[in-house]
Amino acid sequence: MHLQAAAVIVDVPARQTDRPFTYLINENLKDSVLPGMRVVVPFGRADRLIQGFVVQVFSPKTVPAKLKAIYAVQDIEPVLNNEMLELAQWLATRTFSFQIACFQAMLPNALRGKTKKQLVVTIPDQLAPEIVEFMAGKPAKIIDTKQLSPELLKKIHQEKSAGKIEIRYLVQATAKPRQRKKSSLVN
């Protein structure tokens, strides 16, 4: 059994947490976790679930008994490439900023706000049977990566890499109409 671990920068902007924390990658998520992806991890003594960014995937020589595992993968593909990860680390060092703040600044607005992920079939006659069954004959489907099985997530990643499907981010309008208060002077 070949164990993998990930170095994750957690979304807790503080000096004490401005470093990578090591998380175990369970066997079912093994090929689904890549540097630049957002993940959900248990953090602290209470194991509260928070978002983090994977900065490295590696094979540890030894695994501590209390090593926590990644809870869920938020993305099907990395939202930050290796150059962006390196730039964020350089920027954090150079400007005395938190790494998490630099990563978040590099995210497109569509990923920071309320978005839905839509799986779109581009080559329908060559899809894997698992994807055909999941799509249920539809050319597009809204997905929630937290609710997908690791096996299906892995298959979606493979089909995306082969160009058979694509992921579209649908931005939800969150702006509310501006309201003006009327005031009048009384004599």
C-alpha atoms as a PDB file:
ATOM      1  CA  MET A   1       0.000   0.000   0.000  1.00  0.00           C
ATOM      2  CA  HIS A   2       1.503   3.291  -1.174  1.00  0.00           C
ATOM      3  CA  LEU A   3       0.465   6.101   1.207  1.00  0.00           C
ATOM      4  CA  GLN A   4       0.156   9.680   0.040  1.00  0.00           C
ATOM      5  CA  ALA A   5      -0.047  12.881   2.027  1.00  0.00           C
ATOM      6  CA  ALA A   6      -0.718  16.498   1.159  1.00  0.00           C
ATOM      7  CA  ALA A   7       0.723  19.719   2.478  1.00  0.00           C
ATOM      8  CA  VAL A   8      -2.251  22.049   2.978  1.00  0.00           C
ATOM      9  CA  ILE A   9      -2.402  25.759   3.787  1.00  0.00           C
ATOM     10  CA  VAL A  10      -5.566  26.159   5.863  1.00  0.00           C
ATOM     11  CA  ASP A  11      -7.988  29.077   5.651  1.00  0.00           C
ATOM     12  CA  VAL A  12      -7.123  30.496   9.056  1.00  0.00           C
ATOM     13  CA  PRO A  13      -5.262  33.765   8.500  1.00  0.00           C
ATOM     14  CA  ALA A  14      -2.993  33.868  11.548  1.00  0.00           C
ATOM     15  CA  ARG A  15       0.751  33.804  12.079  1.00  0.00           C
ATOM     16  CA  GLN A  16       0.569  30.434  13.869  1.00  0.00           C
ATOM     17  CA  THR A  17      -1.220  28.763  10.948  1.00  0.00           C
ATOM     18  CA  ASP A  18       0.703  30.390   8.089  1.00  0.00           C
ATOM     19  CA  ARG A  19       2.483  27.159   7.224  1.00  0.00           C
ATOM     20  CA  PRO A  20       1.589  23.884   5.520  1.00  0.00           C
ATOM     21  CA  PHE A  21      -0.129  21.218   7.612  1.00  0.00           C
ATOM     22  CA  THR A  22       0.200  17.574   6.588  1.00  0.00           C
ATOM     23  CA  TYR A  23      -2.944  15.567   5.866  1.00  0.00           C
ATOM     24  CA  LEU A  24      -3.285  11.956   4.828  1.00  0.00           C
ATOM     25  CA  ILE A  25      -4.862  11.263   1.449  1.00  0.00           C
ATOM     26  CA  ASN A  26      -7.148   8.275   1.867  1.00  0.00           C
ATOM     27  CA  GLU A  27      -6.909   5.537  -0.742  1.00  0.00           C
ATOM     28  CA  ASN A  28     -10.262   6.528  -2.271  1.00  0.00           C
ATOM     29  CA  LEU A  29      -9.017  10.110  -2.903  1.00  0.00           C
ATOM     30  CA  LYS A  30      -5.510   9.084  -3.982  1.00  0.00           C
ATOM     31  CA  ASP A  31      -5.629  10.257  -7.603  1.00  0.00           C
ATOM     32  CA  SER A  32      -8.108  13.079  -6.992  1.00  0.00           C
ATOM     33  CA  VAL A  33      -5.895  15.390  -4.907  1.00  0.00           C
ATOM     34  CA  LEU A  34      -3.450  17.613  -6.789  1.00  0.00           C
ATOM     35  CA  PRO A  35      -1.466  20.742  -5.878  1.00  0.00           C
ATOM     36  CA  GLY A  36      -3.565  23.865  -6.396  1.00  0.00           C
ATOM     37  CA  MET A  37      -6.874  22.239  -5.425  1.00  0.00           C
ATOM     38  CA  ARG A  38      -9.133  23.394  -2.629  1.00  0.00           C
ATOM     39  CA  VAL A  39      -9.906  20.749  -0.030  1.00  0.00           C
ATOM     40  CA  VAL A  40     -11.928  20.499   3.162  1.00  0.00           C
ATOM     41  CA  VAL A  41      -9.895  19.360   6.154  1.00  0.00           C
ATOM     42  CA  PRO A  42     -10.496  18.847   9.890  1.00  0.00           C
ATOM     43  CA  PHE A  43      -8.553  21.457  11.847  1.00  0.00           C
ATOM     44  CA  GLY A  44      -7.748  22.010  15.492  1.00  0.00           C
ATOM     45  CA  ARG A  45      -8.685  19.993  18.544  1.00  0.00           C
ATOM     46  CA  ALA A  46     -12.388  20.164  17.701  1.00  0.00           C
ATOM     47  CA  ASP A  47     -11.712  18.974  14.128  1.00  0.00           C
ATOM     48  CA  ARG A  48     -13.818  21.766  12.671  1.00  0.00           C
ATOM     49  CA  LEU A  49     -14.032  21.465   8.890  1.00  0.00           C
ATOM     50  CA  ILE A  50     -12.361  24.301   6.999  1.00  0.00           C
ATOM     51  CA  GLN A  51     -11.127  24.976   3.489  1.00  0.00           C
ATOM     52  CA  GLY A  52      -7.489  24.772   2.543  1.00  0.00           C
ATOM     53  CA  PHE A  53      -5.249  24.773  -0.525  1.00  0.00           C
ATOM     54  CA  VAL A  54      -3.053  21.815  -1.407  1.00  0.00           C
ATOM     55  CA  VAL A  55       0.497  23.036  -2.055  1.00  0.00           C
ATOM     56  CA  GLN A  56       2.206  19.652  -2.356  1.00  0.00           C
ATOM     57  CA  VAL A  57       1.398  15.956  -2.666  1.00  0.00           C
ATOM     58  CA  PHE A  58       4.067  13.516  -1.468  1.00  0.00           C
ATOM     59  CA  SER A  59       4.743  10.034  -0.107  1.00  0.00           C
ATOM     60  CA  PRO A  60       5.646  10.280   3.583  1.00  0.00           C
ATOM     61  CA  LYS A  61       8.408   8.072   4.957  1.00  0.00           C
ATOM     62  CA  THR A  62       6.540   7.624   8.229  1.00  0.00           C
ATOM     63  CA  VAL A  63       2.936   8.354   9.124  1.00  0.00           C
ATOM     64  CA  PRO A  64       2.184   9.685  12.606  1.00  0.00           C
ATOM     65  CA  ALA A  65      -0.649   7.844  14.358  1.00  0.00           C
ATOM     66  CA  LYS A  66      -2.698  11.019  14.815  1.00  0.00           C
ATOM     67  CA  LEU A  67      -2.385  12.270  11.222  1.00  0.00           C
ATOM     68  CA  LYS A  68      -5.768  13.567  10.075  1.00  0.00           C
ATOM     69  CA  ALA A  69      -7.126  12.808   6.610  1.00  0.00           C
ATOM     70  CA  ILE A  70      -8.533  15.127   3.970  1.00  0.00           C
ATOM     71  CA  TYR A  71     -12.314  15.168   4.373  1.00  0.00           C
ATOM     72  CA  ALA A  72     -13.364  16.242   0.856  1.00  0.00           C
ATOM     73  CA  VAL A  73     -12.076  17.653  -2.415  1.00  0.00           C
ATOM     74  CA  GLN A  74     -13.808  20.838  -3.589  1.00  0.00           C
ATOM     75  CA  ASP A  75     -12.486  20.968  -7.136  1.00  0.00           C
ATOM     76  CA  ILE A  76     -12.247  18.529 -10.003  1.00  0.00           C
ATOM     77  CA  GLU A  77      -9.118  20.221 -11.314  1.00  0.00           C
ATOM     78  CA  PRO A  78      -6.615  22.572  -9.656  1.00  0.00           C
ATOM     79  CA  VAL A  79      -7.787  26.185  -9.424  1.00  0.00           C
ATOM     80  CA  LEU A  80      -4.194  27.383  -9.011  1.00  0.00           C
ATOM     81  CA  ASN A  81      -1.344  26.127 -11.196  1.00  0.00           C
ATOM     82  CA  ASN A  82       2.236  25.565  -9.982  1.00  0.00           C
ATOM     83  CA  GLU A  83       3.377  29.029 -11.081  1.00  0.00           C
ATOM     84  CA  MET A  84       0.542  30.642  -9.120  1.00  0.00           C
ATOM     85  CA  LEU A  85       1.392  28.585  -6.028  1.00  0.00           C
ATOM     86  CA  GLU A  86       5.042  29.649  -6.267  1.00  0.00           C
ATOM     87  CA  LEU A  87       4.075  33.277  -6.888  1.00  0.00           C
ATOM     88  CA  ALA A  88       1.746  33.274  -3.866  1.00  0.00           C
ATOM     89  CA  GLN A  89       4.508  31.894  -1.640  1.00  0.00           C
ATOM     90  CA  TRP A  90       6.957  34.495  -2.959  1.00  0.00           C
ATOM     91  CA  LEU A  91       4.385  37.267  -2.514  1.00  0.00           C
ATOM     92  CA  ALA A  92       3.583  36.195   1.044  1.00  0.00           C
ATOM     93  CA  THR A  93       7.274  36.268   1.959  1.00  0.00           C
ATOM     94  CA  ARG A  94       7.963  39.538   0.170  1.00  0.00           C
ATOM     95  CA  THR A  95       4.947  41.461   1.504  1.00  0.00           C
ATOM     96  CA  PHE A  96       4.633  39.807   4.931  1.00  0.00           C
ATOM     97  CA  SER A  97       1.159  38.568   3.998  1.00  0.00           C
ATOM     98  CA  PHE A  98      -0.505  35.308   4.918  1.00  0.00           C
ATOM     99  CA  GLN A  99      -0.165  32.612   2.253  1.00  0.00           C
ATOM    100  CA  ILE A 100      -3.906  31.919   2.375  1.00  0.00           C
ATOM    101  CA  ALA A 101      -4.627  35.594   1.582  1.00  0.00           C
ATOM    102  CA  CYS A 102      -2.312  35.421  -1.439  1.00  0.00           C
ATOM    103  CA  PHE A 103      -3.976  32.222  -2.693  1.00  0.00           C
ATOM    104  CA  GLN A 104      -7.430  33.737  -2.310  1.00  0.00           C
ATOM    105  CA  ALA A 105      -6.375  36.912  -4.125  1.00  0.00           C
ATOM    106  CA  MET A 106      -5.399  34.771  -7.117  1.00  0.00           C
ATOM    107  CA  LEU A 107      -8.767  33.046  -7.344  1.00  0.00           C
ATOM    108  CA  PRO A 108     -11.091  34.317 -10.051  1.00  0.00           C
ATOM    109  CA  ASN A 109     -14.117  36.143  -8.643  1.00  0.00           C
ATOM    110  CA  ALA A 110     -16.348  33.355  -9.900  1.00  0.00           C
ATOM    111  CA  LEU A 111     -14.706  30.910  -7.477  1.00  0.00           C
ATOM    112  CA  ARG A 112     -14.868  33.277  -4.509  1.00  0.00           C
ATOM    113  CA  GLY A 113     -18.574  33.965  -4.718  1.00  0.00           C
ATOM    114  CA  LYS A 114     -21.509  31.632  -4.910  1.00  0.00           C
ATOM    115  CA  THR A 115     -21.019  29.354  -7.876  1.00  0.00           C
ATOM    116  CA  LYS A 116     -22.377  26.105  -9.139  1.00  0.00           C
ATOM    117  CA  LYS A 117     -20.305  23.626 -11.093  1.00  0.00           C
ATOM    118  CA  GLN A 118     -21.857  22.304 -14.276  1.00  0.00           C
ATOM    119  CA  LEU A 119     -20.563  19.153 -15.922  1.00  0.00           C
ATOM    120  CA  VAL A 120     -20.961  19.441 -19.712  1.00  0.00           C
ATOM    121  CA  VAL A 121     -20.512  16.524 -22.125  1.00  0.00           C
ATOM    122  CA  THR A 122     -18.393  17.457 -25.154  1.00  0.00           C
ATOM    123  CA  ILE A 123     -17.914  13.999 -26.758  1.00  0.00           C
ATOM    124  CA  PRO A 124     -20.982  11.919 -25.814  1.00  0.00           C
ATOM    125  CA  ASP A 125     -20.223   8.755 -27.787  1.00  0.00           C
ATOM    126  CA  GLN A 126     -16.877   8.105 -26.043  1.00  0.00           C
ATOM    127  CA  LEU A 127     -17.846   8.567 -22.386  1.00  0.00           C
ATOM    128  CA  ALA A 128     -17.041   6.020 -19.697  1.00  0.00           C
ATOM    129  CA  PRO A 129     -20.107   4.005 -18.600  1.00  0.00           C
ATOM    130  CA  GLU A 130     -19.997   5.509 -15.078  1.00  0.00           C
ATOM    131  CA  ILE A 131     -20.276   9.022 -16.502  1.00  0.00           C
ATOM    132  CA  VAL A 132     -23.056   8.025 -18.918  1.00  0.00           C
ATOM    133  CA  GLU A 133     -25.031   6.588 -15.997  1.00  0.00           C
ATOM    134  CA  PHE A 134     -24.349   9.655 -13.828  1.00  0.00           C
ATOM    135  CA  MET A 135     -25.424  12.082 -16.557  1.00  0.00           C
ATOM    136  CA  ALA A 136     -28.628  10.062 -17.197  1.00  0.00           C
ATOM    137  CA  GLY A 137     -28.816  11.102 -20.850  1.00  0.00           C
ATOM    138  CA  LYS A 138     -28.497  14.820 -20.127  1.00  0.00           C
ATOM    139  CA  PRO A 139     -25.927  16.949 -21.986  1.00  0.00           C
ATOM    140  CA  ALA A 140     -25.200  18.985 -18.821  1.00  0.00           C
ATOM    141  CA  LYS A 141     -25.695  18.529 -15.089  1.00  0.00           C
ATOM    142  CA  ILE A 142     -25.105  20.663 -11.986  1.00  0.00           C
ATOM    143  CA  ILE A 143     -22.754  18.853  -9.589  1.00  0.00           C
ATOM    144  CA  ASP A 144     -21.610  19.203  -5.988  1.00  0.00           C
ATOM    145  CA  THR A 145     -18.115  17.723  -5.652  1.00  0.00           C
ATOM    146  CA  LYS A 146     -18.608  17.163  -1.911  1.00  0.00           C
ATOM    147  CA  GLN A 147     -21.444  14.738  -2.642  1.00  0.00           C
ATOM    148  CA  LEU A 148     -19.692  12.751  -5.380  1.00  0.00           C
ATOM    149  CA  SER A 149     -18.042   9.459  -4.563  1.00  0.00           C
ATOM    150  CA  PRO A 150     -14.240   9.486  -4.815  1.00  0.00           C
ATOM    151  CA  GLU A 151     -14.443   6.883  -7.603  1.00  0.00           C
ATOM    152  CA  LEU A 152     -16.797   9.055  -9.663  1.00  0.00           C
ATOM    153  CA  LEU A 153     -14.678  12.131  -8.952  1.00  0.00           C
ATOM    154  CA  LYS A 154     -11.623  10.265 -10.236  1.00  0.00           C
ATOM    155  CA  LYS A 155     -13.509   9.182 -13.383  1.00  0.00           C
ATOM    156  CA  ILE A 156     -14.727  12.758 -14.006  1.00  0.00           C
ATOM    157  CA  HIS A 157     -11.132  13.988 -13.694  1.00  0.00           C
ATOM    158  CA  GLN A 158      -9.959  11.365 -16.230  1.00  0.00           C
ATOM    159  CA  GLU A 159     -12.720  12.223 -18.707  1.00  0.00           C
ATOM    160  CA  LYS A 160     -11.990  15.952 -18.296  1.00  0.00           C
ATOM    161  CA  SER A 161      -8.298  15.346 -18.984  1.00  0.00           C
ATOM    162  CA  ALA A 162      -9.277  13.413 -22.133  1.00  0.00           C
ATOM    163  CA  GLY A 163     -11.429  16.349 -23.300  1.00  0.00           C
ATOM    164  CA  LYS A 164     -14.678  14.359 -23.217  1.00  0.00           C
ATOM    165  CA  ILE A 165     -16.322  16.622 -20.637  1.00  0.00           C
ATOM    166  CA  GLU A 166     -15.747  20.109 -19.337  1.00  0.00           C
ATOM    167  CA  ILE A 167     -16.549  21.957 -16.142  1.00  0.00           C
ATOM    168  CA  ARG A 168     -18.321  25.299 -16.274  1.00  0.00           C
ATOM    169  CA  TYR A 169     -18.678  27.568 -13.293  1.00  0.00           C
ATOM    170  CA  LEU A 170     -22.070  29.251 -13.135  1.00  0.00           C
ATOM    171  CA  VAL A 171     -21.990  32.412 -11.049  1.00  0.00           C
ATOM    172  CA  GLN A 172     -25.050  33.103  -8.945  1.00  0.00           C
ATOM    173  CA  ALA A 173     -26.063  36.736  -8.632  1.00  0.00           C
ATOM    174  CA  THR A 174     -25.723  37.719  -4.991  1.00  0.00           C
ATOM    175  CA  ALA A 175     -26.152  41.470  -5.336  1.00  0.00           C
ATOM    176  CA  LYS A 176     -29.266  42.875  -3.750  1.00  0.00           C
ATOM    177  CA  PRO A 177     -31.111  45.880  -5.126  1.00  0.00           C
ATOM    178  CA  ARG A 178     -29.996  49.064  -3.476  1.00  0.00           C
ATOM    179  CA  GLN A 179     -32.592  50.662  -1.258  1.00  0.00           C
ATOM    180  CA  ARG A 180     -32.763  54.384  -0.537  1.00  0.00           C
ATOM    181  CA  LYS A 181     -34.241  55.806   2.560  1.00  0.00           C
ATOM    182  CA  LYS A 182     -36.416  58.830   2.090  1.00  0.00           C
ATOM    183  CA  SER A 183     -36.128  61.521   4.647  1.00  0.00           C
ATOM    184  CA  SER A 184     -37.901  64.797   4.931  1.00  0.00           C
ATOM    185  CA  LEU A 185     -37.459  67.866   7.018  1.00  0.00           C
ATOM    186  CA  VAL A 186     -40.337  68.793   9.294  1.00  0.00           C
ATOM    187  CA  ASN A 187     -40.994  72.461  10.074  1.00  0.00           C
END
